[in-house]
Amino acid sequence: MDSGIRALSTLVIDVDKDWSDHTITNLKESIAAGQPLTYEQMIAILGLAWTRASGEECCYSLTQDTDYVYAGFNTVPAFVIKISKATMTTSATWEGAVGENNCRALTQDADYVYAGLYISPTKVVKISKATMTTSATWEGAVGEDNCQALTQDTDYVYAGLNISPAKVVKIAKSDMTTSATWEGAADEYCRALTQDADYVYAGLYISPAFVIKISKATMTTSATWEGAVGEKNCQALTQDTDYVYAGLNISPAKVVKIAKSDMTTSATWEGAVDEYCRA
C-alpha cells in the first residue's frame, strides 16, 4: 500500500502494546493480528489526523495561515476544506458551483483563499476565509484552460496554466480581472509558480525543464534556467532571498538550487530510484 508518505519527522507510539484486534474509532477499522500498522493507523492512534468526509477525495493542493490549513480537492464539484491546526478537524468547507471542478492550486492572503480550477476555461475563485463562500471569480478567456499553479503578492494573483504554449496570468485582486499575461513557447506547460518582490518564477513541465524568471512590471521574460540532460519536468518551486528551488518529477528525484542573480545551477540534491518530487 502506497500512502504517498515518504518521510516522518517524529512518530512516537507504544511499541510494546499488542494492537491486534483493537478498533481505531476515527478510522472505523480493526487492526489485523500479525500485520504492521499503516501510517494512517499510527496517526489515528495518536489522534493527529484530519480524515475526510464521504466524497472529499483526491487532495491536490494545500496552503496555510496562522490558524488553519486549506486543502483543495480534485473532485466534481471542487472542495476547499478549512482545517483547524489546533484540532485537525474541519472548520468549514467551500464547495464549487456547477462546473467548478478540480481544484489543483491554492494560495492565500490575510482575508481570502484563491482556488485554481483545472477546467476549460479555467477559473480562479476568491474565497472569503471568514465565511468560506465565493467572493469573486476570474474566468479565463478562450484557450485559457487548466490552472495548475498559483502564487500571489499584495495586489495580484498569478495563475499558471498547464496548456501549450504555457501562460502565466496576472490577475488584479481588486476586481479579479486580467491585468497582463506572459506566454511561453509551443510545447511548454506551466505546472509551478513562486514569486518575490519583483519577479514571478514559472516552472515548465518539459524536457529539459525550464524555470522562467518573469518581470512582474512587464510580464516578460527576464532570464531562464534550463536543466541539464535528464533534468526535466519541473513540478514544484519555492524560493528565498537568493535562490529558487526547483523540484523535478523524474526518477531519481532532483531538487535544483538556482541562483536568482544569473539563473544558473548552484547545487543539486538527488533522491533514490523511484522517488519523484511533486511538491
C-alpha atoms as a PDB file:
ATOM      1  CA  MET A   1       0.000   0.000   0.000  1.00  0.00           C
ATOM      2  CA  ASP A   2       1.416   3.352  -1.026  1.00  0.00           C
ATOM      3  CA  SER A   3       0.134   6.048   1.330  1.00  0.00           C
ATOM      4  CA  GLY A   4       2.032   8.760  -0.535  1.00  0.00           C
ATOM      5  CA  ILE A   5       4.085   9.485   2.599  1.00  0.00           C
ATOM      6  CA  ARG A   6       7.825   9.472   2.078  1.00  0.00           C
ATOM      7  CA  ALA A   7       9.146  10.697   5.444  1.00  0.00           C
ATOM      8  CA  LEU A   8       8.105  11.422   9.013  1.00  0.00           C
ATOM      9  CA  SER A   9       9.996  13.748  11.322  1.00  0.00           C
ATOM     10  CA  THR A  10       8.915  12.158  14.620  1.00  0.00           C
ATOM     11  CA  LEU A  11       6.396   9.472  15.422  1.00  0.00           C
ATOM     12  CA  VAL A  12       6.108   8.013  18.917  1.00  0.00           C
ATOM     13  CA  ILE A  13       3.915   5.019  19.664  1.00  0.00           C
ATOM     14  CA  ASP A  14       3.781   2.293  22.317  1.00  0.00           C
ATOM     15  CA  VAL A  15       5.616  -0.489  20.526  1.00  0.00           C
ATOM     16  CA  ASP A  16       5.123  -2.893  23.428  1.00  0.00           C
ATOM     17  CA  LYS A  17       1.317  -2.731  23.257  1.00  0.00           C
ATOM     18  CA  ASP A  18      -0.464  -5.528  21.398  1.00  0.00           C
ATOM     19  CA  TRP A  19      -2.644  -3.555  18.969  1.00  0.00           C
ATOM     20  CA  SER A  20      -4.178  -6.603  17.260  1.00  0.00           C
ATOM     21  CA  ASP A  21      -7.965  -6.840  17.372  1.00  0.00           C
ATOM     22  CA  HIS A  22      -8.232  -3.231  18.553  1.00  0.00           C
ATOM     23  CA  THR A  23     -10.545  -0.954  16.590  1.00  0.00           C
ATOM     24  CA  ILE A  24      -9.436   2.577  15.760  1.00  0.00           C
ATOM     25  CA  THR A  25     -12.534   4.676  16.348  1.00  0.00           C
ATOM     26  CA  ASN A  26     -11.777   7.521  13.960  1.00  0.00           C
ATOM     27  CA  LEU A  27     -10.828   5.121  11.162  1.00  0.00           C
ATOM     28  CA  LYS A  28     -13.597   2.623  11.986  1.00  0.00           C
ATOM     29  CA  GLU A  29     -11.346  -0.302  11.216  1.00  0.00           C
ATOM     30  CA  SER A  30      -9.763  -3.075  13.230  1.00  0.00           C
ATOM     31  CA  ILE A  31      -6.087  -3.905  13.264  1.00  0.00           C
ATOM     32  CA  ALA A  32      -5.190  -7.294  11.872  1.00  0.00           C
ATOM     33  CA  ALA A  33      -3.113  -9.580  14.037  1.00  0.00           C
ATOM     34  CA  GLY A  34       0.441 -10.007  12.823  1.00  0.00           C
ATOM     35  CA  GLN A  35       0.299  -7.013  10.472  1.00  0.00           C
ATOM     36  CA  PRO A  36       2.333  -3.810  10.874  1.00  0.00           C
ATOM     37  CA  LEU A  37       0.409  -0.612  11.488  1.00  0.00           C
ATOM     38  CA  THR A  38      -0.121   1.608   8.468  1.00  0.00           C
ATOM     39  CA  TYR A  39       0.801   5.282   8.600  1.00  0.00           C
ATOM     40  CA  GLU A  40      -2.894   6.198   8.804  1.00  0.00           C
ATOM     41  CA  GLN A  41      -3.439   3.788  11.717  1.00  0.00           C
ATOM     42  CA  MET A  42      -0.498   5.165  13.666  1.00  0.00           C
ATOM     43  CA  ILE A  43      -1.614   8.749  13.167  1.00  0.00           C
ATOM     44  CA  ALA A  44      -5.185   7.845  14.120  1.00  0.00           C
ATOM     45  CA  ILE A  45      -3.962   6.247  17.364  1.00  0.00           C
ATOM     46  CA  LEU A  46      -2.084   9.452  18.115  1.00  0.00           C
ATOM     47  CA  GLY A  47      -5.215  11.459  17.359  1.00  0.00           C
ATOM     48  CA  LEU A  48      -3.476  13.842  14.978  1.00  0.00           C
ATOM     49  CA  ALA A  49      -5.001  13.071  11.602  1.00  0.00           C
ATOM     50  CA  TRP A  50      -7.632  15.017   9.717  1.00  0.00           C
ATOM     51  CA  THR A  51      -9.899  12.497   7.997  1.00  0.00           C
ATOM     52  CA  ARG A  52     -12.007  13.405   5.005  1.00  0.00           C
ATOM     53  CA  ALA A  53     -15.762  13.084   4.900  1.00  0.00           C
ATOM     54  CA  SER A  54     -17.528  10.990   2.279  1.00  0.00           C
ATOM     55  CA  GLY A  55     -16.933  12.443  -1.182  1.00  0.00           C
ATOM     56  CA  GLU A  56     -13.909  14.512  -0.102  1.00  0.00           C
ATOM     57  CA  GLU A  57     -11.211  12.689  -2.053  1.00  0.00           C
ATOM     58  CA  CYS A  58      -8.074  13.431  -4.041  1.00  0.00           C
ATOM     59  CA  CYS A  59      -6.390  16.239  -2.108  1.00  0.00           C
ATOM     60  CA  TYR A  60      -4.275  18.014  -4.713  1.00  0.00           C
ATOM     61  CA  SER A  61      -3.224  21.311  -3.130  1.00  0.00           C
ATOM     62  CA  LEU A  62      -2.533  22.938   0.232  1.00  0.00           C
ATOM     63  CA  THR A  63      -1.963  26.378   1.678  1.00  0.00           C
ATOM     64  CA  GLN A  64      -1.980  27.676   5.253  1.00  0.00           C
ATOM     65  CA  ASP A  65      -2.132  30.674   7.557  1.00  0.00           C
ATOM     66  CA  THR A  66      -1.553  31.080  11.292  1.00  0.00           C
ATOM     67  CA  ASP A  67      -4.517  29.016  12.466  1.00  0.00           C
ATOM     68  CA  TYR A  68      -5.747  26.941   9.526  1.00  0.00           C
ATOM     69  CA  VAL A  69      -4.686  24.628   6.727  1.00  0.00           C
ATOM     70  CA  TYR A  70      -6.704  24.825   3.499  1.00  0.00           C
ATOM     71  CA  ALA A  71      -6.957  21.669   1.386  1.00  0.00           C
ATOM     72  CA  GLY A  72      -8.040  21.732  -2.265  1.00  0.00           C
ATOM     73  CA  PHE A  73      -9.704  18.664  -3.776  1.00  0.00           C
ATOM     74  CA  ASN A  74      -9.521  17.483  -7.370  1.00  0.00           C
ATOM     75  CA  THR A  75     -13.207  16.484  -7.351  1.00  0.00           C
ATOM     76  CA  VAL A  76     -16.533  17.241  -9.041  1.00  0.00           C
ATOM     77  CA  PRO A  77     -17.509  19.722  -7.737  1.00  0.00           C
ATOM     78  CA  ALA A  78     -14.279  21.092  -6.262  1.00  0.00           C
ATOM     79  CA  PHE A  79     -13.933  21.431  -2.498  1.00  0.00           C
ATOM     80  CA  VAL A  80     -11.681  23.612  -0.340  1.00  0.00           C
ATOM     81  CA  ILE A  81     -11.641  22.448   3.284  1.00  0.00           C
ATOM     82  CA  LYS A  82     -10.645  24.806   6.120  1.00  0.00           C
ATOM     83  CA  ILE A  83      -8.929  22.643   8.763  1.00  0.00           C
ATOM     84  CA  SER A  84      -8.136  23.837  12.265  1.00  0.00           C
ATOM     85  CA  LYS A  85      -4.449  23.378  13.051  1.00  0.00           C
ATOM     86  CA  ALA A  86      -5.243  23.108  16.761  1.00  0.00           C
ATOM     87  CA  THR A  87      -7.615  20.149  16.434  1.00  0.00           C
ATOM     88  CA  MET A  88      -7.076  18.948  12.849  1.00  0.00           C
ATOM     89  CA  THR A  89     -10.839  18.934  12.312  1.00  0.00           C
ATOM     90  CA  THR A  90     -12.917  20.561   9.577  1.00  0.00           C
ATOM     91  CA  SER A  91     -13.844  24.136  10.449  1.00  0.00           C
ATOM     92  CA  ALA A  92     -15.703  24.996   7.224  1.00  0.00           C
ATOM     93  CA  THR A  93     -15.998  23.927   3.590  1.00  0.00           C
ATOM     94  CA  TRP A  94     -16.261  25.755   0.281  1.00  0.00           C
ATOM     95  CA  GLU A  95     -17.981  23.788  -2.476  1.00  0.00           C
ATOM     96  CA  GLY A  96     -17.781  24.822  -6.104  1.00  0.00           C
ATOM     97  CA  ALA A  97     -20.864  25.673  -8.114  1.00  0.00           C
ATOM     98  CA  VAL A  98     -21.946  23.562 -11.074  1.00  0.00           C
ATOM     99  CA  GLY A  99     -18.988  23.326 -13.449  1.00  0.00           C
ATOM    100  CA  GLU A 100     -16.471  24.468 -10.816  1.00  0.00           C
ATOM    101  CA  ASN A 101     -14.437  21.282 -10.614  1.00  0.00           C
ATOM    102  CA  ASN A 102     -10.931  20.052  -9.890  1.00  0.00           C
ATOM    103  CA  CYS A 103      -9.099  22.385  -7.506  1.00  0.00           C
ATOM    104  CA  ARG A 104      -5.418  21.826  -8.269  1.00  0.00           C
ATOM    105  CA  ALA A 105      -3.878  25.010  -6.896  1.00  0.00           C
ATOM    106  CA  LEU A 106      -4.293  27.218  -3.831  1.00  0.00           C
ATOM    107  CA  THR A 107      -2.787  30.396  -2.467  1.00  0.00           C
ATOM    108  CA  GLN A 108      -3.930  32.791   0.261  1.00  0.00           C
ATOM    109  CA  ASP A 109      -3.600  36.250   1.789  1.00  0.00           C
ATOM    110  CA  ALA A 110      -4.889  37.763   5.017  1.00  0.00           C
ATOM    111  CA  ASP A 111      -8.584  37.572   4.105  1.00  0.00           C
ATOM    112  CA  TYR A 112      -9.004  35.223   1.160  1.00  0.00           C
ATOM    113  CA  VAL A 113      -8.095  31.824  -0.242  1.00  0.00           C
ATOM    114  CA  TYR A 114      -7.702  31.636  -4.017  1.00  0.00           C
ATOM    115  CA  ALA A 115      -8.578  28.324  -5.688  1.00  0.00           C
ATOM    116  CA  GLY A 116      -7.326  27.466  -9.169  1.00  0.00           C
ATOM    117  CA  LEU A 117      -9.634  25.128 -11.069  1.00  0.00           C
ATOM    118  CA  TYR A 118      -8.435  22.653 -13.684  1.00  0.00           C
ATOM    119  CA  ILE A 119     -11.310  23.217 -16.126  1.00  0.00           C
ATOM    120  CA  SER A 120     -11.919  24.814 -19.530  1.00  0.00           C
ATOM    121  CA  PRO A 121     -11.977  27.759 -19.487  1.00  0.00           C
ATOM    122  CA  THR A 122     -10.093  27.860 -16.216  1.00  0.00           C
ATOM    123  CA  LYS A 123     -11.245  29.756 -13.143  1.00  0.00           C
ATOM    124  CA  VAL A 124      -9.625  31.268 -10.080  1.00  0.00           C
ATOM    125  CA  VAL A 125     -12.136  31.601  -7.254  1.00  0.00           C
ATOM    126  CA  LYS A 126     -11.624  34.188  -4.484  1.00  0.00           C
ATOM    127  CA  ILE A 127     -12.998  32.615  -1.291  1.00  0.00           C
ATOM    128  CA  SER A 128     -13.652  34.548   1.909  1.00  0.00           C
ATOM    129  CA  LYS A 129     -11.829  32.919   4.814  1.00  0.00           C
ATOM    130  CA  ALA A 130     -14.430  34.264   7.240  1.00  0.00           C
ATOM    131  CA  THR A 131     -17.387  32.557   5.566  1.00  0.00           C
ATOM    132  CA  MET A 132     -15.770  30.123   3.101  1.00  0.00           C
ATOM    133  CA  THR A 133     -18.052  31.436   0.370  1.00  0.00           C
ATOM    134  CA  THR A 134     -17.211  32.784  -3.075  1.00  0.00           C
ATOM    135  CA  SER A 135     -16.358  36.480  -3.055  1.00  0.00           C
ATOM    136  CA  ALA A 136     -15.435  36.850  -6.751  1.00  0.00           C
ATOM    137  CA  THR A 137     -14.264  34.752  -9.701  1.00  0.00           C
ATOM    138  CA  TRP A 138     -11.802  35.208 -12.532  1.00  0.00           C
ATOM    139  CA  GLU A 139     -12.544  33.204 -15.670  1.00  0.00           C
ATOM    140  CA  GLY A 140     -10.009  32.637 -18.406  1.00  0.00           C
ATOM    141  CA  ALA A 141     -10.518  33.700 -21.991  1.00  0.00           C
ATOM    142  CA  VAL A 142     -10.964  31.165 -24.782  1.00  0.00           C
ATOM    143  CA  GLY A 143      -7.980  28.835 -24.720  1.00  0.00           C
ATOM    144  CA  GLU A 144      -7.006  29.751 -21.142  1.00  0.00           C
ATOM    145  CA  ASP A 145      -7.554  26.367 -19.512  1.00  0.00           C
ATOM    146  CA  ASN A 146      -6.244  24.211 -16.670  1.00  0.00           C
ATOM    147  CA  CYS A 147      -4.915  26.299 -13.791  1.00  0.00           C
ATOM    148  CA  GLN A 148      -2.213  24.142 -12.210  1.00  0.00           C
ATOM    149  CA  ALA A 149      -0.315  26.714 -10.133  1.00  0.00           C
ATOM    150  CA  LEU A 150      -0.975  29.890  -8.144  1.00  0.00           C
ATOM    151  CA  THR A 151       1.048  32.469  -6.270  1.00  0.00           C
ATOM    152  CA  GLN A 152       0.203  35.960  -5.011  1.00  0.00           C
ATOM    153  CA  ASP A 153       1.501  39.276  -3.748  1.00  0.00           C
ATOM    154  CA  THR A 154      -0.184  42.321  -2.228  1.00  0.00           C
ATOM    155  CA  ASP A 155      -2.231  43.308  -5.274  1.00  0.00           C
ATOM    156  CA  TYR A 156      -2.213  40.386  -7.686  1.00  0.00           C
ATOM    157  CA  VAL A 157      -2.763  36.666  -8.051  1.00  0.00           C
ATOM    158  CA  TYR A 158      -0.647  34.875 -10.661  1.00  0.00           C
ATOM    159  CA  ALA A 159      -2.162  31.816 -12.323  1.00  0.00           C
ATOM    160  CA  GLY A 160       0.000  29.263 -14.137  1.00  0.00           C
ATOM    161  CA  LEU A 161      -1.844  27.427 -16.890  1.00  0.00           C
ATOM    162  CA  ASN A 162      -0.944  23.884 -17.890  1.00  0.00           C
ATOM    163  CA  ILE A 163      -1.522  24.481 -21.605  1.00  0.00           C
ATOM    164  CA  SER A 164       0.657  24.842 -24.693  1.00  0.00           C
ATOM    165  CA  PRO A 165       2.011  27.393 -25.025  1.00  0.00           C
ATOM    166  CA  ALA A 166       2.250  27.929 -21.267  1.00  0.00           C
ATOM    167  CA  LYS A 167       0.648  31.020 -19.773  1.00  0.00           C
ATOM    168  CA  VAL A 168       1.008  32.960 -16.545  1.00  0.00           C
ATOM    169  CA  VAL A 169      -1.899  35.333 -15.996  1.00  0.00           C
ATOM    170  CA  LYS A 170      -1.580  38.340 -13.660  1.00  0.00           C
ATOM    171  CA  ILE A 171      -4.991  38.878 -12.033  1.00  0.00           C
ATOM    172  CA  ALA A 172      -5.924  42.018 -10.091  1.00  0.00           C
ATOM    173  CA  LYS A 173      -7.290  41.079  -6.660  1.00  0.00           C
ATOM    174  CA  SER A 174      -9.421  44.225  -6.534  1.00  0.00           C
ATOM    175  CA  ASP A 175     -11.794  43.142  -9.320  1.00  0.00           C
ATOM    176  CA  MET A 176     -10.460  39.696 -10.353  1.00  0.00           C
ATOM    177  CA  THR A 177      -9.762  40.726 -13.930  1.00  0.00           C
ATOM    178  CA  THR A 178      -6.726  40.070 -16.122  1.00  0.00           C
ATOM    179  CA  SER A 179      -4.027  42.711 -15.755  1.00  0.00           C
ATOM    180  CA  ALA A 180      -1.370  41.163 -18.038  1.00  0.00           C
ATOM    181  CA  THR A 181      -0.231  37.807 -19.418  1.00  0.00           C
ATOM    182  CA  TRP A 182       3.078  36.061 -20.024  1.00  0.00           C
ATOM    183  CA  GLU A 183       3.074  33.427 -22.742  1.00  0.00           C
ATOM    184  CA  GLY A 184       5.713  30.781 -23.395  1.00  0.00           C
ATOM    185  CA  ALA A 185       6.579  28.820 -26.490  1.00  0.00           C
ATOM    186  CA  ALA A 186       4.823  25.818 -28.025  1.00  0.00           C
ATOM    187  CA  ASP A 187       5.050  22.591 -26.010  1.00  0.00           C
ATOM    188  CA  GLU A 188       5.809  24.473 -22.770  1.00  0.00           C
ATOM    189  CA  TYR A 189       3.455  23.712 -19.861  1.00  0.00           C
ATOM    190  CA  CYS A 190       3.422  25.681 -16.583  1.00  0.00           C
ATOM    191  CA  ARG A 191       2.955  23.482 -13.514  1.00  0.00           C
ATOM    192  CA  ALA A 192       4.664  25.501 -10.760  1.00  0.00           C
ATOM    193  CA  LEU A 193       4.958  29.125  -9.641  1.00  0.00           C
ATOM    194  CA  THR A 194       6.698  31.103  -6.939  1.00  0.00           C
ATOM    195  CA  GLN A 195       7.397  34.828  -6.558  1.00  0.00           C
ATOM    196  CA  ASP A 196       9.438  37.507  -4.820  1.00  0.00           C
ATOM    197  CA  ALA A 197       9.192  41.293  -4.734  1.00  0.00           C
ATOM    198  CA  ASP A 198       9.973  41.835  -8.419  1.00  0.00           C
ATOM    199  CA  TYR A 199       9.636  38.538 -10.258  1.00  0.00           C
ATOM    200  CA  VAL A 200       7.401  35.532 -10.806  1.00  0.00           C
ATOM    201  CA  TYR A 201       9.193  32.244 -11.464  1.00  0.00           C
ATOM    202  CA  ALA A 202       7.410  29.718 -13.661  1.00  0.00           C
ATOM    203  CA  GLY A 203       8.388  26.055 -13.692  1.00  0.00           C
ATOM    204  CA  LEU A 204       7.801  24.359 -17.034  1.00  0.00           C
ATOM    205  CA  TYR A 205       6.998  20.676 -17.392  1.00  0.00           C
ATOM    206  CA  ILE A 206       9.155  19.946 -20.426  1.00  0.00           C
ATOM    207  CA  SER A 207      12.406  18.192 -21.345  1.00  0.00           C
ATOM    208  CA  PRO A 208      14.755  19.682 -20.360  1.00  0.00           C
ATOM    209  CA  ALA A 209      12.937  21.593 -17.599  1.00  0.00           C
ATOM    210  CA  PHE A 210      12.854  25.387 -17.654  1.00  0.00           C
ATOM    211  CA  VAL A 211      12.371  27.903 -14.873  1.00  0.00           C
ATOM    212  CA  ILE A 212      11.415  31.284 -16.321  1.00  0.00           C
ATOM    213  CA  LYS A 213      12.129  34.495 -14.389  1.00  0.00           C
ATOM    214  CA  ILE A 214       9.287  36.852 -15.333  1.00  0.00           C
ATOM    215  CA  SER A 215       9.279  40.576 -14.562  1.00  0.00           C
ATOM    216  CA  LYS A 216       6.124  41.494 -12.639  1.00  0.00           C
ATOM    217  CA  ALA A 217       6.272  45.018 -14.031  1.00  0.00           C
ATOM    218  CA  THR A 218       6.179  43.978 -17.690  1.00  0.00           C
ATOM    219  CA  MET A 219       5.217  40.272 -17.567  1.00  0.00           C
ATOM    220  CA  THR A 220       8.066  39.493 -19.936  1.00  0.00           C
ATOM    221  CA  THR A 221      10.937  37.016 -19.609  1.00  0.00           C
ATOM    222  CA  SER A 222      13.907  38.394 -17.692  1.00  0.00           C
ATOM    223  CA  ALA A 223      16.046  35.226 -17.670  1.00  0.00           C
ATOM    224  CA  THR A 224      15.741  31.445 -17.985  1.00  0.00           C
ATOM    225  CA  TRP A 225      17.234  28.443 -16.227  1.00  0.00           C
ATOM    226  CA  GLU A 226      17.460  25.329 -18.407  1.00  0.00           C
ATOM    227  CA  GLY A 227      18.015  21.907 -16.926  1.00  0.00           C
ATOM    228  CA  ALA A 228      20.949  19.736 -17.896  1.00  0.00           C
ATOM    229  CA  VAL A 229      20.500  16.469 -19.778  1.00  0.00           C
ATOM    230  CA  GLY A 230      17.960  14.372 -17.875  1.00  0.00           C
ATOM    231  CA  GLU A 231      16.719  17.311 -15.766  1.00  0.00           C
ATOM    232  CA  LYS A 232      13.125  17.566 -16.934  1.00  0.00           C
ATOM    233  CA  ASN A 233       9.547  18.062 -15.714  1.00  0.00           C
ATOM    234  CA  CYS A 234       9.597  20.912 -13.181  1.00  0.00           C
ATOM    235  CA  GLN A 235       6.606  20.219 -10.918  1.00  0.00           C
ATOM    236  CA  ALA A 236       7.336  22.357  -7.828  1.00  0.00           C
ATOM    237  CA  LEU A 237       9.008  25.652  -6.930  1.00  0.00           C
ATOM    238  CA  THR A 238       9.858  27.660  -3.844  1.00  0.00           C
ATOM    239  CA  GLN A 239      12.301  30.494  -3.164  1.00  0.00           C
ATOM    240  CA  ASP A 240      14.234  32.537  -0.617  1.00  0.00           C
ATOM    241  CA  THR A 241      16.230  35.753  -0.805  1.00  0.00           C
ATOM    242  CA  ASP A 242      18.904  34.486  -3.172  1.00  0.00           C
ATOM    243  CA  TYR A 243      17.732  31.206  -4.684  1.00  0.00           C
ATOM    244  CA  VAL A 244      14.896  29.416  -6.422  1.00  0.00           C
ATOM    245  CA  TYR A 245      14.478  25.693  -5.695  1.00  0.00           C
ATOM    246  CA  ALA A 246      13.019  23.535  -8.468  1.00  0.00           C
ATOM    247  CA  GLY A 247      11.558  20.086  -7.802  1.00  0.00           C
ATOM    248  CA  LEU A 248      11.785  17.746 -10.770  1.00  0.00           C
ATOM    249  CA  ASN A 249       9.258  14.951 -11.310  1.00  0.00           C
ATOM    250  CA  ILE A 250      11.806  12.412 -12.503  1.00  0.00           C
ATOM    251  CA  SER A 251      13.426   9.274 -11.106  1.00  0.00           C
ATOM    252  CA  PRO A 252      15.584   9.673  -9.186  1.00  0.00           C
ATOM    253  CA  ALA A 253      14.006  12.914  -7.978  1.00  0.00           C
ATOM    254  CA  LYS A 254      16.010  16.112  -8.074  1.00  0.00           C
ATOM    255  CA  VAL A 255      15.800  19.475  -6.339  1.00  0.00           C
ATOM    256  CA  VAL A 256      17.904  22.077  -8.100  1.00  0.00           C
ATOM    257  CA  LYS A 257      19.158  25.208  -6.296  1.00  0.00           C
ATOM    258  CA  ILE A 258      19.153  28.055  -8.828  1.00  0.00           C
ATOM    259  CA  ALA A 259      20.872  31.406  -8.229  1.00  0.00           C
ATOM    260  CA  LYS A 260      18.434  34.250  -8.851  1.00  0.00           C
ATOM    261  CA  SER A 261      21.250  36.582  -9.854  1.00  0.00           C
ATOM    262  CA  ASP A 262      22.104  34.717 -13.068  1.00  0.00           C
ATOM    263  CA  MET A 263      19.607  31.798 -13.145  1.00  0.00           C
ATOM    264  CA  THR A 264      22.308  29.146 -13.135  1.00  0.00           C
ATOM    265  CA  THR A 265      22.541  25.948 -11.105  1.00  0.00           C
ATOM    266  CA  SER A 266      24.209  26.446  -7.725  1.00  0.00           C
ATOM    267  CA  ALA A 267      23.777  22.920  -6.349  1.00  0.00           C
ATOM    268  CA  THR A 268      21.597  19.827  -6.750  1.00  0.00           C
ATOM    269  CA  TRP A 269      20.035  17.267  -4.415  1.00  0.00           C
ATOM    270  CA  GLU A 270      19.251  13.870  -5.896  1.00  0.00           C
ATOM    271  CA  GLY A 271      16.986  11.209  -4.410  1.00  0.00           C
ATOM    272  CA  ALA A 272      16.879   7.478  -4.892  1.00  0.00           C
ATOM    273  CA  VAL A 273      15.435   5.469  -7.762  1.00  0.00           C
ATOM    274  CA  ASP A 274      11.608   5.584  -7.924  1.00  0.00           C
ATOM    275  CA  GLU A 275      11.471   8.829  -5.907  1.00  0.00           C
ATOM    276  CA  TYR A 276       9.623  11.652  -7.687  1.00  0.00           C
ATOM    277  CA  CYS A 277       9.446  15.246  -6.454  1.00  0.00           C
ATOM    278  CA  ARG A 278       5.955  16.692  -6.934  1.00  0.00           C
ATOM    279  CA  ALA A 279       5.635  19.278  -4.167  1.00  0.00           C
END
